[in-house]
Amino acid sequence: MVYLITAEQLGISDEGPGINLMNNFLHELAERQTTPEAIALVNKGVKLAAEGSGAFEDLKRLSKRGCDVLACGMCLKHYGLIDKVGVGRISNMAEITGILDSAERTVTL
């Protein structure tokens, strides 16, 4: 299973509930016995990998269990977050599309 996360919030709403929903989703994912193969963060989703994000600790837990957490380098540069990535690794669209292409199942959020 590979998750493609395109935003720091879940759903289309004002940021309060949507951000809390995304943090809760990643927390529940970290609590499960199964570990995703990868979580690819693109667009505003890269903000989740920055130190201090509400999802930071859960992404660290998933990474320690073997989940490959990838953050789009172009997106990180756009949001000024290159030096703030605290979990996972900086990647690029070629690698992310390759991982999505080879995955048995994908979920886009």
C-alpha atoms as a PDB file:
ATOM      1  CA  MET A   1       0.000   0.000   0.000  1.00  0.00           C
ATOM      2  CA  VAL A   2       1.278   3.437  -0.956  1.00  0.00           C
ATOM      3  CA  TYR A   3      -0.346   6.681   0.166  1.00  0.00           C
ATOM      4  CA  LEU A   4      -0.029   9.852  -1.907  1.00  0.00           C
ATOM      5  CA  ILE A   5      -0.762  12.843   0.317  1.00  0.00           C
ATOM      6  CA  THR A   6      -1.289  16.083  -1.565  1.00  0.00           C
ATOM      7  CA  ALA A   7      -2.348  18.426   1.247  1.00  0.00           C
ATOM      8  CA  GLU A   8      -1.810  19.049   4.920  1.00  0.00           C
ATOM      9  CA  GLN A   9      -5.536  18.688   5.502  1.00  0.00           C
ATOM     10  CA  LEU A  10      -8.062  15.989   4.749  1.00  0.00           C
ATOM     11  CA  GLY A  11     -11.056  17.034   2.688  1.00  0.00           C
ATOM     12  CA  ILE A  12     -12.139  20.454   1.574  1.00  0.00           C
ATOM     13  CA  SER A  13     -12.962  22.584   4.590  1.00  0.00           C
ATOM     14  CA  ASP A  14     -11.511  25.416   6.543  1.00  0.00           C
ATOM     15  CA  GLU A  15      -8.091  24.417   7.790  1.00  0.00           C
ATOM     16  CA  GLY A  16      -9.015  23.676  11.422  1.00  0.00           C
ATOM     17  CA  PRO A  17     -11.075  20.506  10.983  1.00  0.00           C
ATOM     18  CA  GLY A  18      -9.190  19.397   7.872  1.00  0.00           C
ATOM     19  CA  ILE A  19      -5.768  19.581   9.517  1.00  0.00           C
ATOM     20  CA  ASN A  20      -7.064  17.749  12.579  1.00  0.00           C
ATOM     21  CA  LEU A  21      -8.590  15.075  10.350  1.00  0.00           C
ATOM     22  CA  MET A  22      -5.293  14.516   8.517  1.00  0.00           C
ATOM     23  CA  ASN A  23      -3.345  14.326  11.779  1.00  0.00           C
ATOM     24  CA  ASN A  24      -5.894  11.865  13.141  1.00  0.00           C
ATOM     25  CA  PHE A  25      -5.757   9.782   9.952  1.00  0.00           C
ATOM     26  CA  LEU A  26      -1.968   9.475  10.131  1.00  0.00           C
ATOM     27  CA  HIS A  27      -2.153   8.706  13.847  1.00  0.00           C
ATOM     28  CA  GLU A  28      -4.604   5.868  13.201  1.00  0.00           C
ATOM     29  CA  LEU A  29      -2.395   4.616  10.362  1.00  0.00           C
ATOM     30  CA  ALA A  30       0.570   4.553  12.763  1.00  0.00           C
ATOM     31  CA  GLU A  31      -1.500   2.613  15.314  1.00  0.00           C
ATOM     32  CA  ARG A  32      -2.319  -0.195  12.859  1.00  0.00           C
ATOM     33  CA  GLN A  33      -0.391  -3.451  12.837  1.00  0.00           C
ATOM     34  CA  THR A  34       0.271  -3.180   9.100  1.00  0.00           C
ATOM     35  CA  THR A  35       2.755  -0.660   7.773  1.00  0.00           C
ATOM     36  CA  PRO A  36       2.384   1.017   4.378  1.00  0.00           C
ATOM     37  CA  GLU A  37       5.204   0.508   1.907  1.00  0.00           C
ATOM     38  CA  ALA A  38       5.457   4.256   1.364  1.00  0.00           C
ATOM     39  CA  ILE A  39       3.892   7.637   2.001  1.00  0.00           C
ATOM     40  CA  ALA A  40       4.643  10.204  -0.693  1.00  0.00           C
ATOM     41  CA  LEU A  41       4.094  13.827   0.273  1.00  0.00           C
ATOM     42  CA  VAL A  42       3.560  16.369  -2.507  1.00  0.00           C
ATOM     43  CA  ASN A  43       2.268  19.927  -2.773  1.00  0.00           C
ATOM     44  CA  LYS A  44       1.150  21.159   0.688  1.00  0.00           C
ATOM     45  CA  GLY A  45       1.424  17.588   1.961  1.00  0.00           C
ATOM     46  CA  VAL A  46       5.169  18.161   2.438  1.00  0.00           C
ATOM     47  CA  LYS A  47       4.321  20.384   5.418  1.00  0.00           C
ATOM     48  CA  LEU A  48       3.497  17.201   7.340  1.00  0.00           C
ATOM     49  CA  ALA A  49       7.180  16.153   7.279  1.00  0.00           C
ATOM     50  CA  ALA A  50       8.361  19.424   8.833  1.00  0.00           C
ATOM     51  CA  GLU A  51       9.392  19.426  12.465  1.00  0.00           C
ATOM     52  CA  GLY A  52       6.537  20.660  14.599  1.00  0.00           C
ATOM     53  CA  SER A  53       3.713  19.478  12.354  1.00  0.00           C
ATOM     54  CA  GLY A  54       0.842  17.702  14.038  1.00  0.00           C
ATOM     55  CA  ALA A  55       1.640  14.533  12.090  1.00  0.00           C
ATOM     56  CA  PHE A  56       5.403  14.604  12.658  1.00  0.00           C
ATOM     57  CA  GLU A  57       5.609  12.011  15.448  1.00  0.00           C
ATOM     58  CA  ASP A  58       3.278   9.570  13.707  1.00  0.00           C
ATOM     59  CA  LEU A  59       5.249   9.846  10.463  1.00  0.00           C
ATOM     60  CA  LYS A  60       8.426   9.166  12.476  1.00  0.00           C
ATOM     61  CA  ARG A  61       6.801   6.055  13.977  1.00  0.00           C
ATOM     62  CA  LEU A  62       5.802   4.811  10.532  1.00  0.00           C
ATOM     63  CA  SER A  63       9.272   5.513   9.162  1.00  0.00           C
ATOM     64  CA  LYS A  64      10.920   3.575  12.004  1.00  0.00           C
ATOM     65  CA  ARG A  65       8.702   0.602  11.150  1.00  0.00           C
ATOM     66  CA  GLY A  66       9.940   0.608   7.551  1.00  0.00           C
ATOM     67  CA  CYS A  67       7.535   2.925   5.752  1.00  0.00           C
ATOM     68  CA  ASP A  68       9.406   4.955   3.141  1.00  0.00           C
ATOM     69  CA  VAL A  69       8.345   8.584   3.711  1.00  0.00           C
ATOM     70  CA  LEU A  70       9.193  10.732   0.692  1.00  0.00           C
ATOM     71  CA  ALA A  71       8.791  14.487   0.406  1.00  0.00           C
ATOM     72  CA  CYS A  72       8.816  16.227  -2.973  1.00  0.00           C
ATOM     73  CA  GLY A  73      11.930  18.404  -3.141  1.00  0.00           C
ATOM     74  CA  MET A  74      10.401  20.933  -5.541  1.00  0.00           C
ATOM     75  CA  CYS A  75       7.437  21.343  -3.185  1.00  0.00           C
ATOM     76  CA  LEU A  76       9.703  21.715  -0.151  1.00  0.00           C
ATOM     77  CA  LYS A  77      11.631  24.478  -1.932  1.00  0.00           C
ATOM     78  CA  HIS A  78       8.399  26.238  -2.870  1.00  0.00           C
ATOM     79  CA  TYR A  79       7.236  26.330   0.766  1.00  0.00           C
ATOM     80  CA  GLY A  80      10.705  27.114   2.177  1.00  0.00           C
ATOM     81  CA  LEU A  81      10.873  23.829   4.075  1.00  0.00           C
ATOM     82  CA  ILE A  82      14.036  22.150   2.751  1.00  0.00           C
ATOM     83  CA  ASP A  83      15.866  22.752   6.056  1.00  0.00           C
ATOM     84  CA  LYS A  84      12.859  21.831   8.196  1.00  0.00           C
ATOM     85  CA  VAL A  85      12.287  18.242   7.014  1.00  0.00           C
ATOM     86  CA  GLY A  86      12.604  16.088  10.095  1.00  0.00           C
ATOM     87  CA  VAL A  87      11.194  12.783   8.909  1.00  0.00           C
ATOM     88  CA  GLY A  88      11.620  10.790   5.758  1.00  0.00           C
ATOM     89  CA  ARG A  89      13.738  11.906   2.863  1.00  0.00           C
ATOM     90  CA  ILE A  90      13.694  14.412   0.064  1.00  0.00           C
ATOM     91  CA  SER A  91      12.660  12.876  -3.238  1.00  0.00           C
ATOM     92  CA  ASN A  92      11.542  13.903  -6.707  1.00  0.00           C
ATOM     93  CA  MET A  93       8.578  13.306  -8.962  1.00  0.00           C
ATOM     94  CA  ALA A  94      10.383  10.650 -11.033  1.00  0.00           C
ATOM     95  CA  GLU A  95      10.916   8.486  -7.954  1.00  0.00           C
ATOM     96  CA  ILE A  96       7.446   9.160  -6.565  1.00  0.00           C
ATOM     97  CA  THR A  97       5.715   8.228  -9.823  1.00  0.00           C
ATOM     98  CA  GLY A  98       7.852   5.070 -10.011  1.00  0.00           C
ATOM     99  CA  ILE A  99       6.784   4.030  -6.523  1.00  0.00           C
ATOM    100  CA  LEU A 100       3.128   4.731  -7.325  1.00  0.00           C
ATOM    101  CA  ASP A 101       3.400   2.823 -10.591  1.00  0.00           C
ATOM    102  CA  SER A 102       4.843  -0.278  -8.933  1.00  0.00           C
ATOM    103  CA  ALA A 103       2.465  -0.295  -5.944  1.00  0.00           C
ATOM    104  CA  GLU A 104      -0.198  -2.984  -5.704  1.00  0.00           C
ATOM    105  CA  ARG A 105      -2.609  -0.461  -4.181  1.00  0.00           C
ATOM    106  CA  THR A 106      -2.570   3.316  -3.800  1.00  0.00           C
ATOM    107  CA  VAL A 107      -4.660   5.798  -1.878  1.00  0.00           C
ATOM    108  CA  THR A 108      -4.629   9.492  -2.681  1.00  0.00           C
ATOM    109  CA  LEU A 109      -5.526  12.026  -0.010  1.00  0.00           C
END
